[in-house]
Amino acid sequence: MNISETLVVPIIVSLTQLAKGLGLPKKFCALAAVVIGVIIGVFFLEPLCIKAGVFKGIVYGLSASGLYSGTKNTIEQVNGKKVNKKKK
């Protein structure tokens, strides 16, 4: 199975959101993203070289958790500014 590496980060974000919807506590979402990334890295991206798969998986997992966190914080900032403007 050949997965385009550009799709890995959105797949990890989606699977992490799915896990959170199934009851995973929010504080473990970053860890779940890294674990999912390592699984994808070892089994799909680099099945012949485990070290490269683990490395790629960690990088993609951390990227996915950063993407999720950055997007969430940006949305909270935008919504917070709108709320503050309405209060004034």
N, C-alpha and C. Protein backbone atom coordinates (compact mmCIF):
# COMPACT_ATOMS: atom_id res chain seq x y z
N MET A 1 0.85 -1.17 0.00
CA MET A 1 0.00 0.00 0.00
C MET A 1 0.89 1.23 0.00
N ASN A 2 0.64 2.13 -0.90
CA ASN A 2 1.46 3.32 -1.04
C ASN A 2 0.65 4.55 -0.62
N ILE A 3 1.07 5.19 0.45
CA ILE A 3 0.38 6.38 0.95
C ILE A 3 1.22 7.59 0.62
N SER A 4 0.59 8.59 0.02
CA SER A 4 1.29 9.84 -0.25
C SER A 4 1.59 10.51 1.08
N GLU A 5 2.84 10.94 1.25
CA GLU A 5 3.24 11.51 2.53
C GLU A 5 2.56 12.84 2.83
N THR A 6 1.98 13.49 1.84
CA THR A 6 1.28 14.74 2.09
C THR A 6 -0.04 14.51 2.83
N LEU A 7 -0.54 13.29 2.78
CA LEU A 7 -1.81 12.98 3.44
C LEU A 7 -1.65 12.47 4.86
N VAL A 8 -0.42 12.22 5.29
CA VAL A 8 -0.20 11.59 6.59
C VAL A 8 -0.65 12.49 7.74
N VAL A 9 -0.30 13.77 7.72
CA VAL A 9 -0.66 14.66 8.83
C VAL A 9 -2.18 14.80 8.97
N PRO A 10 -2.94 15.06 7.88
CA PRO A 10 -4.40 15.11 8.05
C PRO A 10 -5.00 13.78 8.51
N ILE A 11 -4.42 12.67 8.10
CA ILE A 11 -4.91 11.36 8.55
C ILE A 11 -4.68 11.21 10.05
N ILE A 12 -3.52 11.62 10.53
CA ILE A 12 -3.22 11.52 11.96
C ILE A 12 -4.15 12.42 12.76
N VAL A 13 -4.37 13.66 12.28
CA VAL A 13 -5.29 14.57 12.97
C VAL A 13 -6.68 13.95 13.04
N SER A 14 -7.14 13.37 11.93
CA SER A 14 -8.47 12.76 11.89
C SER A 14 -8.58 11.58 12.85
N LEU A 15 -7.58 10.72 12.85
CA LEU A 15 -7.62 9.56 13.75
C LEU A 15 -7.53 9.98 15.21
N THR A 16 -6.77 11.03 15.50
CA THR A 16 -6.69 11.53 16.87
C THR A 16 -8.04 12.11 17.30
N GLN A 17 -8.70 12.84 16.41
CA GLN A 17 -10.02 13.38 16.72
C GLN A 17 -11.03 12.25 16.94
N LEU A 18 -10.90 11.20 16.14
CA LEU A 18 -11.78 10.04 16.31
C LEU A 18 -11.55 9.40 17.67
N ALA A 19 -10.29 9.25 18.06
CA ALA A 19 -9.98 8.67 19.37
C ALA A 19 -10.52 9.55 20.49
N LYS A 20 -10.41 10.87 20.31
CA LYS A 20 -10.93 11.78 21.32
C LYS A 20 -12.46 11.66 21.41
N GLY A 21 -13.10 11.49 20.28
CA GLY A 21 -14.55 11.31 20.26
C GLY A 21 -14.99 10.00 20.90
N LEU A 22 -14.10 9.02 20.90
CA LEU A 22 -14.40 7.73 21.51
C LEU A 22 -14.06 7.69 22.99
N GLY A 23 -13.58 8.82 23.54
CA GLY A 23 -13.36 8.87 24.98
C GLY A 23 -11.92 9.11 25.42
N LEU A 24 -11.00 9.32 24.50
CA LEU A 24 -9.62 9.60 24.88
C LEU A 24 -9.55 10.97 25.56
N PRO A 25 -8.97 11.05 26.75
CA PRO A 25 -8.84 12.36 27.41
C PRO A 25 -7.98 13.31 26.58
N LYS A 26 -8.33 14.60 26.61
CA LYS A 26 -7.63 15.60 25.80
C LYS A 26 -6.14 15.66 26.10
N LYS A 27 -5.75 15.39 27.34
CA LYS A 27 -4.34 15.51 27.69
C LYS A 27 -3.49 14.43 27.02
N PHE A 28 -4.08 13.38 26.49
CA PHE A 28 -3.33 12.33 25.82
C PHE A 28 -3.38 12.44 24.29
N CYS A 29 -3.97 13.49 23.75
CA CYS A 29 -4.11 13.61 22.30
C CYS A 29 -2.76 13.74 21.60
N ALA A 30 -1.84 14.51 22.15
CA ALA A 30 -0.52 14.66 21.52
C ALA A 30 0.22 13.32 21.51
N LEU A 31 0.15 12.59 22.60
CA LEU A 31 0.78 11.28 22.66
C LEU A 31 0.14 10.32 21.66
N ALA A 32 -1.18 10.37 21.56
CA ALA A 32 -1.89 9.52 20.60
C ALA A 32 -1.48 9.85 19.17
N ALA A 33 -1.29 11.14 18.88
CA ALA A 33 -0.87 11.55 17.53
C ALA A 33 0.51 10.99 17.20
N VAL A 34 1.42 11.01 18.16
CA VAL A 34 2.76 10.47 17.93
C VAL A 34 2.72 8.95 17.75
N VAL A 35 1.93 8.28 18.57
CA VAL A 35 1.81 6.82 18.45
C VAL A 35 1.20 6.44 17.10
N ILE A 36 0.16 7.13 16.71
CA ILE A 36 -0.46 6.86 15.40
C ILE A 36 0.55 7.16 14.29
N GLY A 37 1.30 8.23 14.43
CA GLY A 37 2.32 8.57 13.44
C GLY A 37 3.37 7.48 13.32
N VAL A 38 3.83 6.96 14.44
CA VAL A 38 4.84 5.89 14.42
C VAL A 38 4.27 4.63 13.75
N ILE A 39 3.03 4.30 14.06
CA ILE A 39 2.40 3.12 13.45
C ILE A 39 2.32 3.30 11.93
N ILE A 40 1.88 4.46 11.49
CA ILE A 40 1.80 4.73 10.05
C ILE A 40 3.19 4.73 9.43
N GLY A 41 4.16 5.33 10.13
CA GLY A 41 5.52 5.39 9.62
C GLY A 41 6.14 4.02 9.45
N VAL A 42 5.96 3.16 10.43
CA VAL A 42 6.59 1.82 10.38
C VAL A 42 5.88 0.90 9.40
N PHE A 43 4.56 0.90 9.40
CA PHE A 43 3.84 -0.07 8.59
C PHE A 43 3.54 0.38 7.17
N PHE A 44 3.45 1.69 6.94
CA PHE A 44 3.06 2.15 5.61
C PHE A 44 4.11 2.98 4.88
N LEU A 45 4.82 3.85 5.61
CA LEU A 45 5.77 4.74 4.94
C LEU A 45 7.13 4.08 4.71
N GLU A 46 7.66 3.43 5.73
CA GLU A 46 8.98 2.80 5.65
C GLU A 46 8.94 1.38 6.22
N PRO A 47 8.26 0.47 5.55
CA PRO A 47 8.15 -0.89 6.11
C PRO A 47 9.46 -1.67 6.10
N LEU A 48 10.42 -1.25 5.30
CA LEU A 48 11.68 -1.99 5.21
C LEU A 48 12.75 -1.48 6.18
N CYS A 49 12.55 -0.28 6.71
CA CYS A 49 13.53 0.29 7.64
C CYS A 49 12.79 0.84 8.86
N ILE A 50 12.82 0.10 9.94
CA ILE A 50 12.04 0.47 11.12
C ILE A 50 12.51 1.80 11.72
N LYS A 51 13.83 2.02 11.74
CA LYS A 51 14.34 3.28 12.30
C LYS A 51 13.81 4.48 11.53
N ALA A 52 13.83 4.40 10.22
CA ALA A 52 13.31 5.51 9.39
C ALA A 52 11.81 5.67 9.59
N GLY A 53 11.10 4.55 9.72
CA GLY A 53 9.65 4.61 9.94
C GLY A 53 9.30 5.25 11.27
N VAL A 54 10.05 4.89 12.31
CA VAL A 54 9.81 5.49 13.63
C VAL A 54 10.11 6.98 13.59
N PHE A 55 11.23 7.34 12.97
CA PHE A 55 11.61 8.76 12.88
C PHE A 55 10.55 9.56 12.13
N LYS A 56 10.16 9.07 10.95
CA LYS A 56 9.14 9.77 10.16
C LYS A 56 7.83 9.84 10.93
N GLY A 57 7.48 8.76 11.60
CA GLY A 57 6.24 8.74 12.37
C GLY A 57 6.23 9.75 13.49
N ILE A 58 7.36 9.89 14.19
CA ILE A 58 7.45 10.89 15.26
C ILE A 58 7.33 12.29 14.69
N VAL A 59 8.01 12.54 13.59
CA VAL A 59 7.94 13.87 12.96
C VAL A 59 6.52 14.19 12.52
N TYR A 60 5.87 13.24 11.85
CA TYR A 60 4.51 13.49 11.39
C TYR A 60 3.52 13.59 12.56
N GLY A 61 3.71 12.79 13.58
CA GLY A 61 2.84 12.86 14.76
C GLY A 61 2.96 14.19 15.48
N LEU A 62 4.19 14.66 15.66
CA LEU A 62 4.38 15.97 16.30
C LEU A 62 3.85 17.09 15.42
N SER A 63 4.00 16.96 14.12
CA SER A 63 3.45 17.96 13.20
C SER A 63 1.93 18.00 13.29
N ALA A 64 1.33 16.83 13.36
CA ALA A 64 -0.13 16.76 13.44
C ALA A 64 -0.64 17.36 14.75
N SER A 65 0.03 17.07 15.86
CA SER A 65 -0.43 17.63 17.13
C SER A 65 -0.20 19.14 17.16
N GLY A 66 0.87 19.61 16.55
CA GLY A 66 1.10 21.06 16.46
C GLY A 66 0.10 21.74 15.56
N LEU A 67 -0.26 21.10 14.46
CA LEU A 67 -1.27 21.65 13.55
C LEU A 67 -2.60 21.78 14.27
N TYR A 68 -2.98 20.73 14.98
CA TYR A 68 -4.25 20.75 15.71
C TYR A 68 -4.23 21.83 16.79
N SER A 69 -3.16 21.87 17.56
CA SER A 69 -3.05 22.82 18.66
C SER A 69 -3.02 24.26 18.15
N GLY A 70 -2.24 24.49 17.10
CA GLY A 70 -2.15 25.84 16.53
C GLY A 70 -3.48 26.32 15.97
N THR A 71 -4.18 25.45 15.28
CA THR A 71 -5.48 25.80 14.72
C THR A 71 -6.48 26.09 15.83
N LYS A 72 -6.48 25.24 16.86
CA LYS A 72 -7.41 25.43 17.98
C LYS A 72 -7.14 26.76 18.68
N ASN A 73 -5.87 27.08 18.92
CA ASN A 73 -5.53 28.33 19.60
C ASN A 73 -5.89 29.54 18.76
N THR A 74 -5.69 29.44 17.45
CA THR A 74 -6.05 30.55 16.56
C THR A 74 -7.55 30.79 16.58
N ILE A 75 -8.33 29.73 16.52
CA ILE A 75 -9.78 29.87 16.54
C ILE A 75 -10.23 30.46 17.87
N GLU A 76 -9.63 30.01 18.97
CA GLU A 76 -9.99 30.57 20.28
C GLU A 76 -9.64 32.05 20.37
N GLN A 77 -8.51 32.44 19.80
CA GLN A 77 -8.12 33.85 19.80
C GLN A 77 -9.10 34.69 18.99
N VAL A 78 -9.46 34.22 17.81
CA VAL A 78 -10.40 34.96 16.96
C VAL A 78 -11.76 35.07 17.64
N ASN A 79 -12.26 33.97 18.19
CA ASN A 79 -13.55 34.00 18.89
C ASN A 79 -13.48 34.85 20.14
N GLY A 80 -12.36 34.83 20.84
CA GLY A 80 -12.20 35.65 22.05
C GLY A 80 -12.20 37.13 21.72
N LYS A 81 -11.59 37.52 20.61
CA LYS A 81 -11.56 38.93 20.22
C LYS A 81 -12.95 39.40 19.83
N LYS A 82 -13.73 38.53 19.15
CA LYS A 82 -15.08 38.90 18.77
C LYS A 82 -15.95 39.09 20.01
N VAL A 83 -15.77 38.20 21.00
CA VAL A 83 -16.54 38.29 22.23
C VAL A 83 -16.16 39.57 22.98
N ASN A 84 -14.86 39.90 23.04
CA ASN A 84 -14.40 41.10 23.73
C ASN A 84 -14.92 42.36 23.07
N LYS A 85 -15.02 42.38 21.74
CA LYS A 85 -15.52 43.55 21.03
C LYS A 85 -17.01 43.76 21.32
N LYS A 86 -17.75 42.66 21.45
CA LYS A 86 -19.17 42.77 21.74
C LYS A 86 -19.42 43.28 23.15
N LYS A 87 -18.53 42.95 24.10
CA LYS A 87 -18.69 43.39 25.47
C LYS A 87 -18.45 44.87 25.63
N LYS A 88 -17.61 45.46 24.78
CA LYS A 88 -17.29 46.88 24.91
C LYS A 88 -18.40 47.71 24.44
